[in-house]
């Protein structure tokens, strides 16, 4: 496994990667938060992957009293999420698109790119992936929610319904309460999206069982389904 020296944290599991995983960290964290993700997943032997872990910009977060921290967009509250930062989400989605385009330029097709994340990063992954007019290999959201859910029908692209989605949540999450995850799953299911939903006896974190299930899902739904490059 090699790590490249660049502004982004990039980890390759083999030469000439044919799949890319763009992984977005949570609020206040950074790219190093999931540096061990390639080692924690049960990846198929012989399938060279590139993991791209970018850092969110520093910004004041209203929810945290204006404290400056790494965040993909601003947050005002987590209950009904009535005042969402649509402009910040659009800006962050453009950043993810630039990362996708970079991978396409390296020879990895969009159908071989997974976009995922934890907490706020997972929300951005959903926001971005559901608006893609060319399907990705998959979308992963751990301990997260669907932002701008009221606009799902009007803003999502028809092609996005073909993208397999993995959502997982802790039953005892004190940061993003379980009903937020449940409502997000229901909205996607009602919208006809291909979503897998899992819950675990944990709080706002990642569990070994969750990573095992994610590895199985990737092996069954993403790597084979994407087909040849």
Protein backbone atom coordinates (compact mmCIF):
# COMPACT_ATOMS: atom_id res chain seq x y z
CA UNK A 1 0.00 0.00 0.00
CA UNK A 2 1.54 3.31 -1.02
CA UNK A 3 0.73 6.81 0.15
CA UNK A 4 1.36 9.75 -2.15
CA UNK A 5 2.67 13.12 -1.03
CA UNK A 6 0.03 15.62 -2.13
CA UNK A 7 -2.44 18.15 -0.64
CA UNK A 8 -4.93 15.27 -0.63
CA UNK A 9 -4.34 12.10 1.31
CA UNK A 10 -4.17 9.39 -1.35
CA UNK A 11 -3.67 5.71 -0.62
CA UNK A 12 -3.34 3.09 -3.35
CA UNK A 13 -3.77 -0.64 -2.76
CA UNK A 14 -1.97 -1.60 -5.96
CA UNK A 15 -0.45 -0.27 -9.16
CA UNK A 16 -2.66 1.42 -11.76
CA UNK A 17 -5.91 1.61 -9.74
CA UNK A 18 -9.09 0.75 -11.64
CA UNK A 19 -11.47 1.93 -8.88
CA UNK A 20 -11.41 5.11 -6.80
CA UNK A 21 -13.04 5.78 -3.44
CA UNK A 22 -13.52 9.44 -2.50
CA UNK A 23 -14.08 9.53 1.26
CA UNK A 24 -15.32 12.66 3.06
CA UNK A 25 -14.67 13.18 6.78
CA UNK A 26 -17.07 14.53 9.38
CA UNK A 27 -17.42 18.00 10.85
CA UNK A 28 -14.32 19.15 12.70
CA UNK A 29 -12.24 16.15 11.62
CA UNK A 30 -9.78 15.91 8.73
CA UNK A 31 -8.52 13.49 6.10
CA UNK A 32 -6.48 11.55 8.67
CA UNK A 33 -9.65 10.54 10.51
CA UNK A 34 -10.21 7.67 8.07
CA UNK A 35 -6.60 7.08 7.06
CA UNK A 36 -6.93 3.43 8.10
CA UNK A 37 -10.11 2.82 6.07
CA UNK A 38 -8.38 0.75 3.35
CA UNK A 39 -6.99 -1.56 6.05
CA UNK A 40 -10.32 -1.76 7.90
CA UNK A 41 -12.27 -2.90 4.84
CA UNK A 42 -12.10 -6.42 3.47
CA UNK A 43 -11.05 -5.49 -0.05
CA UNK A 44 -10.94 -7.96 -2.92
CA UNK A 45 -7.43 -9.24 -3.57
CA UNK A 46 -6.00 -8.17 -6.87
CA UNK A 47 -8.36 -5.20 -7.32
CA UNK A 48 -6.19 -2.05 -7.25
CA UNK A 49 -8.01 0.84 -5.58
CA UNK A 50 -7.18 4.48 -4.94
CA UNK A 51 -8.60 6.08 -1.80
CA UNK A 52 -8.83 9.89 -1.94
CA UNK A 53 -9.37 11.62 1.42
CA UNK A 54 -9.66 15.40 1.07
CA UNK A 55 -9.76 18.01 3.83
CA UNK A 56 -12.80 20.25 4.14
CA UNK A 57 -12.06 24.00 4.30
CA UNK A 58 -11.91 25.86 7.59
CA UNK A 59 -15.14 27.79 8.20
CA UNK A 60 -17.24 29.15 11.07
CA UNK A 61 -19.99 26.71 12.07
CA UNK A 62 -23.16 28.37 13.35
CA UNK A 63 -24.25 25.28 15.30
CA UNK A 64 -20.99 25.46 17.30
CA UNK A 65 -21.27 29.14 18.15
CA UNK A 66 -19.37 30.30 15.08
CA UNK A 67 -16.27 28.30 15.99
CA UNK A 68 -13.93 27.90 13.02
CA UNK A 69 -13.30 24.28 12.08
CA UNK A 70 -13.16 22.02 9.07
CA UNK A 71 -16.62 21.70 7.58
CA UNK A 72 -18.02 20.95 4.14
CA UNK A 73 -20.84 23.45 4.72
CA UNK A 74 -22.40 25.41 7.58
CA UNK A 75 -24.82 23.84 10.06
CA UNK A 76 -27.43 25.72 12.08
CA UNK A 77 -29.05 22.81 13.93
CA UNK A 78 -29.65 19.10 13.73
CA UNK A 79 -33.25 18.65 14.83
CA UNK A 80 -35.55 19.26 11.85
CA UNK A 81 -32.71 20.89 9.89
CA UNK A 82 -34.91 23.74 8.70
CA UNK A 83 -32.22 26.24 7.72
CA UNK A 84 -29.84 24.31 5.53
CA UNK A 85 -26.80 25.79 3.82
CA UNK A 86 -27.84 25.14 0.21
CA UNK A 87 -25.11 27.41 -1.16
CA UNK A 88 -22.46 25.70 0.94
CA UNK A 89 -23.67 22.28 -0.17
CA UNK A 90 -23.49 23.35 -3.81
CA UNK A 91 -19.95 24.65 -3.33
CA UNK A 92 -18.89 21.45 -1.58
CA UNK A 93 -20.50 19.33 -4.31
CA UNK A 94 -18.47 21.24 -6.88
CA UNK A 95 -15.33 20.34 -4.93
CA UNK A 96 -16.29 16.66 -5.03
CA UNK A 97 -17.01 16.91 -8.75
CA UNK A 98 -13.50 18.29 -9.30
CA UNK A 99 -12.10 15.23 -7.50
CA UNK A 100 -14.24 12.94 -9.65
CA UNK A 101 -13.04 14.71 -12.79
CA UNK A 102 -9.44 14.31 -11.67
CA UNK A 103 -9.98 10.54 -11.37
CA UNK A 104 -11.64 10.43 -14.79
CA UNK A 105 -8.57 12.19 -16.15
CA UNK A 106 -6.44 9.44 -14.63
CA UNK A 107 -8.43 6.83 -16.52
CA UNK A 108 -10.96 5.76 -13.85
CA UNK A 109 -14.50 5.96 -15.26
CA UNK A 110 -17.30 7.49 -13.20
CA UNK A 111 -18.90 4.05 -12.97
CA UNK A 112 -15.79 2.94 -11.07
CA UNK A 113 -15.86 5.74 -8.51
CA UNK A 114 -17.41 5.41 -5.04
CA UNK A 115 -18.23 8.57 -3.07
CA UNK A 116 -18.81 8.11 0.65
CA UNK A 117 -18.33 9.66 4.02
CA UNK A 118 -19.06 9.82 7.72
CA UNK A 119 -21.54 12.22 9.35
CA UNK A 120 -21.38 15.56 7.49
CA UNK A 121 -19.15 13.90 4.90
CA UNK A 122 -21.80 11.25 4.32
CA UNK A 123 -24.44 13.93 3.89
CA UNK A 124 -22.31 15.59 1.23
CA UNK A 125 -21.75 12.23 -0.48
CA UNK A 126 -25.53 11.75 -0.71
CA UNK A 127 -26.12 15.32 -1.86
CA UNK A 128 -23.51 15.02 -4.59
CA UNK A 129 -24.20 11.48 -5.74
CA UNK A 130 -27.96 11.86 -6.09
CA UNK A 131 -27.47 14.78 -8.46
CA UNK A 132 -25.04 13.03 -10.82
CA UNK A 133 -26.30 12.62 -14.37
CA UNK A 134 -23.81 9.77 -14.87
CA UNK A 135 -24.05 6.99 -12.27
CA UNK A 136 -21.25 6.42 -9.82
CA UNK A 137 -20.22 2.95 -8.67
CA UNK A 138 -21.82 3.57 -5.28
CA UNK A 139 -22.64 6.02 -2.49
CA UNK A 140 -21.87 5.36 1.17
CA UNK A 141 -23.24 7.32 4.12
CA UNK A 142 -22.29 6.34 7.66
CA UNK A 143 -24.03 7.97 10.65
CA UNK A 144 -25.49 10.66 8.45
CA UNK A 145 -28.64 12.18 6.97
CA UNK A 146 -30.04 13.31 3.64
CA UNK A 147 -29.62 17.09 3.28
CA UNK A 148 -32.27 19.16 1.47
CA UNK A 149 -34.53 16.10 1.58
CA UNK A 150 -37.57 18.14 0.53
CA UNK A 151 -35.83 18.76 -2.81
CA UNK A 152 -34.98 15.12 -3.46
CA UNK A 153 -37.62 14.61 -6.14
CA UNK A 154 -36.94 17.87 -7.97
CA UNK A 155 -33.13 17.92 -7.72
CA UNK A 156 -32.08 14.28 -8.02
CA UNK A 157 -31.18 12.88 -11.41
CA UNK A 158 -33.02 9.90 -12.87
CA UNK A 159 -29.70 8.14 -13.48
CA UNK A 160 -28.98 8.30 -9.75
CA UNK A 161 -31.67 5.71 -9.09
CA UNK A 162 -29.30 3.13 -10.52
CA UNK A 163 -26.57 3.89 -7.99
CA UNK A 164 -26.41 1.44 -5.06
CA UNK A 165 -26.47 3.30 -1.74
CA UNK A 166 -25.30 2.01 1.64
CA UNK A 167 -26.65 3.84 4.71
CA UNK A 168 -25.79 2.85 8.28
CA UNK A 169 -26.57 4.44 11.64
CA UNK A 170 -26.03 3.91 15.35
CA UNK A 171 -29.11 3.11 17.41
CA UNK A 172 -27.84 5.35 20.22
CA UNK A 173 -26.33 8.19 18.18
CA UNK A 174 -26.37 11.35 20.37
CA UNK A 175 -25.10 13.64 17.58
CA UNK A 176 -27.34 12.72 14.65
CA UNK A 177 -30.34 11.03 16.23
CA UNK A 178 -31.54 7.77 14.70
CA UNK A 179 -34.83 9.30 13.41
CA UNK A 180 -32.78 11.52 11.06
CA UNK A 181 -31.17 8.45 9.54
CA UNK A 182 -34.46 6.57 9.42
CA UNK A 183 -36.21 9.47 7.68
CA UNK A 184 -33.38 9.72 5.17
CA UNK A 185 -33.60 6.01 4.40
CA UNK A 186 -37.37 6.25 4.01
CA UNK A 187 -37.14 9.23 1.68
CA UNK A 188 -34.69 7.39 -0.56
CA UNK A 189 -36.72 4.17 -0.51
CA UNK A 190 -39.92 6.06 -1.32
CA UNK A 191 -38.09 7.81 -4.16
CA UNK A 192 -37.20 4.50 -5.78
CA UNK A 193 -33.48 4.63 -4.98
CA UNK A 194 -31.43 1.46 -4.54
CA UNK A 195 -30.68 1.83 -0.83
CA UNK A 196 -29.40 -0.66 1.75
CA UNK A 197 -30.10 0.34 5.37
CA UNK A 198 -28.30 -1.02 8.44
CA UNK A 199 -28.37 -0.10 12.14
CA UNK A 200 -25.95 -1.02 14.91
CA UNK A 201 -25.81 -0.91 18.71
CA UNK A 202 -23.39 2.02 18.77
CA UNK A 203 -23.30 5.80 19.10
CA UNK A 204 -21.79 8.31 16.62
CA UNK A 205 -18.91 6.14 15.51
CA UNK A 206 -17.93 3.26 13.25
CA UNK A 207 -18.11 -0.36 14.40
CA UNK A 208 -16.31 -3.51 13.19
CA UNK A 209 -19.67 -5.12 12.35
CA UNK A 210 -20.57 -2.10 10.25
CA UNK A 211 -17.29 -2.30 8.33
CA UNK A 212 -17.84 -6.01 7.75
CA UNK A 213 -21.30 -5.30 6.32
CA UNK A 214 -19.95 -2.47 4.20
CA UNK A 215 -17.21 -4.74 2.85
CA UNK A 216 -19.80 -7.39 1.97
CA UNK A 217 -22.03 -4.82 0.29
CA UNK A 218 -19.12 -3.45 -1.75
CA UNK A 219 -18.18 -6.98 -2.77
CA UNK A 220 -21.71 -7.92 -3.80
CA UNK A 221 -23.11 -4.66 -5.15
CA UNK A 222 -20.31 -2.36 -6.26
CA UNK A 223 -17.13 -4.00 -7.52
CA UNK A 224 -18.85 -6.64 -9.74
CA UNK A 225 -21.82 -4.47 -10.75
CA UNK A 226 -19.65 -1.70 -12.15
CA UNK A 227 -18.36 -3.97 -14.90
CA UNK A 228 -15.23 -3.38 -16.96
CA UNK A 229 -13.68 0.06 -17.17
